[in-house]
Amino acid sequence: MHKYLLDYGSHIKAKSEIGSVTTCFDTCVTDVSYSAGLSPDEKNCMRECYMKRVLAKDDMFLLVEQ
């Protein structure tokens, strides 16, 4: 049972991390030009958004697991 719970938890975590990247990209990036790359503000926004989303879901997962 514990093995399946860990497998399910890792699946949910991976799904939330992948979903966070696309959500944060849509929120933070305004100009998509291949030569310039991301601006420093866009990079910071992506980092903050991703960490907030992933850490909040990790905390919720730990709360449910306990």
C-alpha atoms as a PDB file:
ATOM      1  CA  MET A   1       0.000   0.000   0.000  1.00  0.00           C
ATOM      2  CA  HIS A   2       2.788   2.425   0.927  1.00  0.00           C
ATOM      3  CA  LYS A   3       4.510   1.758  -2.407  1.00  0.00           C
ATOM      4  CA  TYR A   4       1.393   2.748  -4.340  1.00  0.00           C
ATOM      5  CA  LEU A   5       0.882   5.856  -2.215  1.00  0.00           C
ATOM      6  CA  LEU A   6       4.443   6.996  -2.971  1.00  0.00           C
ATOM      7  CA  ASP A   7       3.943   6.273  -6.671  1.00  0.00           C
ATOM      8  CA  TYR A   8       0.710   8.261  -6.723  1.00  0.00           C
ATOM      9  CA  GLY A   9       2.335  11.136  -4.814  1.00  0.00           C
ATOM     10  CA  SER A  10       5.252  11.359  -7.216  1.00  0.00           C
ATOM     11  CA  HIS A  11       2.872  11.292 -10.193  1.00  0.00           C
ATOM     12  CA  ILE A  12       0.808  14.151  -8.760  1.00  0.00           C
ATOM     13  CA  LYS A  13       3.942  16.147  -7.909  1.00  0.00           C
ATOM     14  CA  ALA A  14       5.367  15.760 -11.427  1.00  0.00           C
ATOM     15  CA  LYS A  15       2.044  16.751 -12.957  1.00  0.00           C
ATOM     16  CA  SER A  16       1.835  19.888 -10.797  1.00  0.00           C
ATOM     17  CA  GLU A  17       5.425  20.884 -11.612  1.00  0.00           C
ATOM     18  CA  ILE A  18       4.840  20.554 -15.345  1.00  0.00           C
ATOM     19  CA  GLY A  19       1.576  22.484 -15.101  1.00  0.00           C
ATOM     20  CA  SER A  20       3.273  25.232 -13.099  1.00  0.00           C
ATOM     21  CA  VAL A  21       5.836  25.869 -15.811  1.00  0.00           C
ATOM     22  CA  THR A  22       3.240  26.542 -18.494  1.00  0.00           C
ATOM     23  CA  THR A  23       1.044  28.643 -16.212  1.00  0.00           C
ATOM     24  CA  CYS A  24       3.955  30.760 -15.053  1.00  0.00           C
ATOM     25  CA  PHE A  25       5.259  31.167 -18.601  1.00  0.00           C
ATOM     26  CA  ASP A  26       1.877  32.465 -19.775  1.00  0.00           C
ATOM     27  CA  THR A  27       1.740  34.866 -16.829  1.00  0.00           C
ATOM     28  CA  CYS A  28       5.298  36.201 -16.917  1.00  0.00           C
ATOM     29  CA  VAL A  29       6.496  36.247 -20.514  1.00  0.00           C
ATOM     30  CA  THR A  30       5.184  39.028 -22.716  1.00  0.00           C
ATOM     31  CA  ASP A  31       7.542  39.047 -25.698  1.00  0.00           C
ATOM     32  CA  VAL A  32       8.651  35.820 -27.328  1.00  0.00           C
ATOM     33  CA  SER A  33      11.607  36.626 -29.541  1.00  0.00           C
ATOM     34  CA  TYR A  34      14.156  33.918 -30.097  1.00  0.00           C
ATOM     35  CA  SER A  35      17.203  36.176 -30.321  1.00  0.00           C
ATOM     36  CA  ALA A  36      16.685  38.144 -27.104  1.00  0.00           C
ATOM     37  CA  GLY A  37      15.679  35.383 -24.687  1.00  0.00           C
ATOM     38  CA  LEU A  38      13.954  36.202 -21.410  1.00  0.00           C
ATOM     39  CA  SER A  39      14.506  39.533 -19.719  1.00  0.00           C
ATOM     40  CA  PRO A  40      15.772  39.567 -16.112  1.00  0.00           C
ATOM     41  CA  ASP A  41      12.301  40.623 -14.911  1.00  0.00           C
ATOM     42  CA  GLU A  42      10.686  37.734 -16.760  1.00  0.00           C
ATOM     43  CA  LYS A  43      13.223  35.285 -15.310  1.00  0.00           C
ATOM     44  CA  ASN A  44      12.564  36.521 -11.780  1.00  0.00           C
ATOM     45  CA  CYS A  45       8.815  36.349 -12.332  1.00  0.00           C
ATOM     46  CA  MET A  46       9.101  32.763 -13.619  1.00  0.00           C
ATOM     47  CA  ARG A  47      11.268  31.739 -10.666  1.00  0.00           C
ATOM     48  CA  GLU A  48       8.955  33.296  -8.072  1.00  0.00           C
ATOM     49  CA  CYS A  49       5.774  31.986  -9.678  1.00  0.00           C
ATOM     50  CA  TYR A  50       7.149  28.456 -10.033  1.00  0.00           C
ATOM     51  CA  MET A  51       8.458  28.313  -6.475  1.00  0.00           C
ATOM     52  CA  LYS A  52       5.215  29.640  -5.008  1.00  0.00           C
ATOM     53  CA  ARG A  53       3.114  27.110  -6.914  1.00  0.00           C
ATOM     54  CA  VAL A  54       5.331  24.074  -6.318  1.00  0.00           C
ATOM     55  CA  LEU A  55       6.082  24.803  -2.663  1.00  0.00           C
ATOM     56  CA  ALA A  56       2.415  25.416  -1.882  1.00  0.00           C
ATOM     57  CA  LYS A  57       1.483  22.081  -3.437  1.00  0.00           C
ATOM     58  CA  ASP A  58       4.330  20.323  -1.581  1.00  0.00           C
ATOM     59  CA  ASP A  59       3.052  21.748   1.689  1.00  0.00           C
ATOM     60  CA  MET A  60      -0.490  20.592   0.904  1.00  0.00           C
ATOM     61  CA  PHE A  61       0.765  17.117  -0.009  1.00  0.00           C
ATOM     62  CA  LEU A  62       2.684  16.851   3.278  1.00  0.00           C
ATOM     63  CA  LEU A  63      -0.371  17.982   5.209  1.00  0.00           C
ATOM     64  CA  VAL A  64      -2.570  15.353   3.544  1.00  0.00           C
ATOM     65  CA  GLU A  65       0.089  12.663   3.982  1.00  0.00           C
ATOM     66  CA  GLN A  66       0.288  13.245   7.733  1.00  0.00           C
END
